[in-house]
Amino acid sequence: MPYLYLAIAIVAEVVATSLLKLSHGFTRPLPTLGMALGYLVAFYFLSLTLRTVPTGIAYAIWSGVGVVLIATIAWLFQGQKLDLAAMIGMAMIVGGVVVMNLFSSSVAH
């Protein structure tokens, strides 16, 4: 269950961050409201995750997956350019999360 909670938290955070750009500095009410609700959902489910998953591990997964998803959404829908260095950097982040989860003794296997 904790990793389902973490997945929900990540999706909510990605949606909220995407809406943050669309809020145009909180001048558009609907995206601003959606952003606020998204962050509330994200942090609520992250807090449920932290009941059983170590904070460092949960945050590594949260940030690694979040960076890749947000960059992908920005590339697909917001015209952001991703150069080779950005893609390599994101691959390294994901690789670090995978290494932590597969080989770290701080993660329950």
C-alpha atoms as a PDB file:
ATOM      1  CA  MET A   1       0.000   0.000   0.000  1.00  0.00           C
ATOM      2  CA  PRO A   2       2.732   2.579   0.753  1.00  0.00           C
ATOM      3  CA  TYR A   3       4.033   2.487  -2.812  1.00  0.00           C
ATOM      4  CA  LEU A   4       0.504   2.991  -4.152  1.00  0.00           C
ATOM      5  CA  TYR A   5       0.247   6.017  -1.862  1.00  0.00           C
ATOM      6  CA  LEU A   6       3.577   7.238  -3.187  1.00  0.00           C
ATOM      7  CA  ALA A   7       2.417   6.803  -6.789  1.00  0.00           C
ATOM      8  CA  ILE A   8      -0.722   8.835  -6.049  1.00  0.00           C
ATOM      9  CA  ALA A   9       1.423  11.507  -4.381  1.00  0.00           C
ATOM     10  CA  ILE A  10       3.737  11.687  -7.395  1.00  0.00           C
ATOM     11  CA  VAL A  11       0.899  11.957  -9.919  1.00  0.00           C
ATOM     12  CA  ALA A  12      -0.823  14.644  -7.832  1.00  0.00           C
ATOM     13  CA  GLU A  13       2.431  16.603  -7.536  1.00  0.00           C
ATOM     14  CA  VAL A  14       3.102  16.372 -11.281  1.00  0.00           C
ATOM     15  CA  VAL A  15      -0.418  17.614 -12.053  1.00  0.00           C
ATOM     16  CA  ALA A  16      -0.074  20.416  -9.487  1.00  0.00           C
ATOM     17  CA  THR A  17       3.293  21.517 -10.856  1.00  0.00           C
ATOM     18  CA  SER A  18       1.943  21.540 -14.403  1.00  0.00           C
ATOM     19  CA  LEU A  19      -0.997  23.656 -13.233  1.00  0.00           C
ATOM     20  CA  LEU A  20       1.411  25.981 -11.410  1.00  0.00           C
ATOM     21  CA  LYS A  21       2.786  27.098 -14.774  1.00  0.00           C
ATOM     22  CA  LEU A  22      -0.728  27.460 -16.167  1.00  0.00           C
ATOM     23  CA  SER A  23      -1.765  29.639 -13.194  1.00  0.00           C
ATOM     24  CA  HIS A  24       0.432  32.468 -14.553  1.00  0.00           C
ATOM     25  CA  GLY A  25       1.535  33.647 -11.126  1.00  0.00           C
ATOM     26  CA  PHE A  26      -1.795  32.821  -9.463  1.00  0.00           C
ATOM     27  CA  THR A  27      -3.691  35.160 -11.821  1.00  0.00           C
ATOM     28  CA  ARG A  28      -5.883  32.401 -13.261  1.00  0.00           C
ATOM     29  CA  PRO A  29      -8.298  31.048 -10.616  1.00  0.00           C
ATOM     30  CA  LEU A  30      -9.026  27.566 -12.004  1.00  0.00           C
ATOM     31  CA  PRO A  31      -5.418  26.428 -12.517  1.00  0.00           C
ATOM     32  CA  THR A  32      -4.500  28.027  -9.178  1.00  0.00           C
ATOM     33  CA  LEU A  33      -7.232  26.109  -7.362  1.00  0.00           C
ATOM     34  CA  GLY A  34      -6.272  22.862  -9.124  1.00  0.00           C
ATOM     35  CA  MET A  35      -2.630  23.434  -8.218  1.00  0.00           C
ATOM     36  CA  ALA A  36      -3.455  23.979  -4.542  1.00  0.00           C
ATOM     37  CA  LEU A  37      -5.655  20.881  -4.404  1.00  0.00           C
ATOM     38  CA  GLY A  38      -3.019  18.840  -6.221  1.00  0.00           C
ATOM     39  CA  TYR A  39      -0.333  19.776  -3.712  1.00  0.00           C
ATOM     40  CA  LEU A  40      -2.665  19.026  -0.790  1.00  0.00           C
ATOM     41  CA  VAL A  41      -3.379  15.551  -2.209  1.00  0.00           C
ATOM     42  CA  ALA A  42       0.318  15.024  -2.961  1.00  0.00           C
ATOM     43  CA  PHE A  43       1.507  15.876   0.537  1.00  0.00           C
ATOM     44  CA  TYR A  44      -1.301  13.944   2.198  1.00  0.00           C
ATOM     45  CA  PHE A  45      -0.405  10.754   0.325  1.00  0.00           C
ATOM     46  CA  LEU A  46       3.314  11.377   0.817  1.00  0.00           C
ATOM     47  CA  SER A  47       2.640  11.588   4.566  1.00  0.00           C
ATOM     48  CA  LEU A  48       0.866   8.208   4.418  1.00  0.00           C
ATOM     49  CA  THR A  49       3.848   6.769   2.552  1.00  0.00           C
ATOM     50  CA  LEU A  50       6.252   7.995   5.219  1.00  0.00           C
ATOM     51  CA  ARG A  51       4.544   5.858   7.844  1.00  0.00           C
ATOM     52  CA  THR A  52       6.446   2.840   6.514  1.00  0.00           C
ATOM     53  CA  VAL A  53       8.926   3.920   3.825  1.00  0.00           C
ATOM     54  CA  PRO A  54      12.117   5.680   4.997  1.00  0.00           C
ATOM     55  CA  THR A  55      12.028   9.403   4.225  1.00  0.00           C
ATOM     56  CA  GLY A  56      15.179   9.401   2.105  1.00  0.00           C
ATOM     57  CA  ILE A  57      13.971   6.522  -0.037  1.00  0.00           C
ATOM     58  CA  ALA A  58      10.469   7.952  -0.484  1.00  0.00           C
ATOM     59  CA  TYR A  59      11.856  11.362  -1.376  1.00  0.00           C
ATOM     60  CA  ALA A  60      14.365   9.897  -3.833  1.00  0.00           C
ATOM     61  CA  ILE A  61      11.569   8.087  -5.653  1.00  0.00           C
ATOM     62  CA  TRP A  62       9.252  11.112  -5.428  1.00  0.00           C
ATOM     63  CA  SER A  63      11.811  13.529  -6.824  1.00  0.00           C
ATOM     64  CA  GLY A  64      13.325  11.201  -9.426  1.00  0.00           C
ATOM     65  CA  VAL A  65      10.048  10.099 -10.955  1.00  0.00           C
ATOM     66  CA  GLY A  66       8.617  13.593 -10.578  1.00  0.00           C
ATOM     67  CA  VAL A  67      11.515  15.254 -12.440  1.00  0.00           C
ATOM     68  CA  VAL A  68      11.199  12.868 -15.360  1.00  0.00           C
ATOM     69  CA  LEU A  69       7.396  13.117 -15.567  1.00  0.00           C
ATOM     70  CA  ILE A  70       7.314  16.910 -15.264  1.00  0.00           C
ATOM     71  CA  ALA A  71      10.074  17.342 -17.845  1.00  0.00           C
ATOM     72  CA  THR A  72       8.244  14.973 -20.203  1.00  0.00           C
ATOM     73  CA  ILE A  73       4.941  16.815 -19.784  1.00  0.00           C
ATOM     74  CA  ALA A  74       6.668  20.177 -20.285  1.00  0.00           C
ATOM     75  CA  TRP A  75       8.321  18.813 -23.439  1.00  0.00           C
ATOM     76  CA  LEU A  76       5.087  17.343 -24.824  1.00  0.00           C
ATOM     77  CA  PHE A  77       2.631  20.093 -23.915  1.00  0.00           C
ATOM     78  CA  GLN A  78       4.512  23.270 -23.019  1.00  0.00           C
ATOM     79  CA  GLY A  79       7.195  23.478 -25.693  1.00  0.00           C
ATOM     80  CA  GLN A  80      10.146  22.877 -23.364  1.00  0.00           C
ATOM     81  CA  LYS A  81      13.293  21.722 -25.127  1.00  0.00           C
ATOM     82  CA  LEU A  82      15.274  18.825 -23.679  1.00  0.00           C
ATOM     83  CA  ASP A  83      18.848  18.595 -24.839  1.00  0.00           C
ATOM     84  CA  LEU A  84      21.152  15.599 -24.504  1.00  0.00           C
ATOM     85  CA  ALA A  85      22.606  16.847 -21.201  1.00  0.00           C
ATOM     86  CA  ALA A  86      19.112  17.149 -19.680  1.00  0.00           C
ATOM     87  CA  MET A  87      18.166  13.646 -20.797  1.00  0.00           C
ATOM     88  CA  ILE A  88      21.431  12.167 -19.498  1.00  0.00           C
ATOM     89  CA  GLY A  89      20.957  13.966 -16.172  1.00  0.00           C
ATOM     90  CA  MET A  90      17.427  12.617 -15.806  1.00  0.00           C
ATOM     91  CA  ALA A  91      18.630   9.118 -16.683  1.00  0.00           C
ATOM     92  CA  MET A  92      21.254   9.409 -13.956  1.00  0.00           C
ATOM     93  CA  ILE A  93      18.598  10.467 -11.423  1.00  0.00           C
ATOM     94  CA  VAL A  94      16.425   7.489 -12.329  1.00  0.00           C
ATOM     95  CA  GLY A  95      19.472   5.218 -12.208  1.00  0.00           C
ATOM     96  CA  GLY A  96      20.293   6.457  -8.719  1.00  0.00           C
ATOM     97  CA  VAL A  97      16.764   5.739  -7.527  1.00  0.00           C
ATOM     98  CA  VAL A  98      16.922   2.239  -9.016  1.00  0.00           C
ATOM     99  CA  VAL A  99      20.302   1.549  -7.378  1.00  0.00           C
ATOM    100  CA  MET A 100      18.988   2.748  -3.999  1.00  0.00           C
ATOM    101  CA  ASN A 101      15.930   0.549  -4.238  1.00  0.00           C
ATOM    102  CA  LEU A 102      17.726  -2.562  -5.457  1.00  0.00           C
ATOM    103  CA  PHE A 103      20.933  -2.473  -3.447  1.00  0.00           C
ATOM    104  CA  SER A 104      20.589  -0.201  -0.419  1.00  0.00           C
ATOM    105  CA  SER A 105      20.287  -1.855   2.976  1.00  0.00           C
ATOM    106  CA  SER A 106      18.074   1.049   4.088  1.00  0.00           C
ATOM    107  CA  VAL A 107      15.263  -0.255   1.857  1.00  0.00           C
ATOM    108  CA  ALA A 108      13.195  -3.236   2.972  1.00  0.00           C
ATOM    109  CA  HIS A 109      13.406  -5.783   0.154  1.00  0.00           C
END
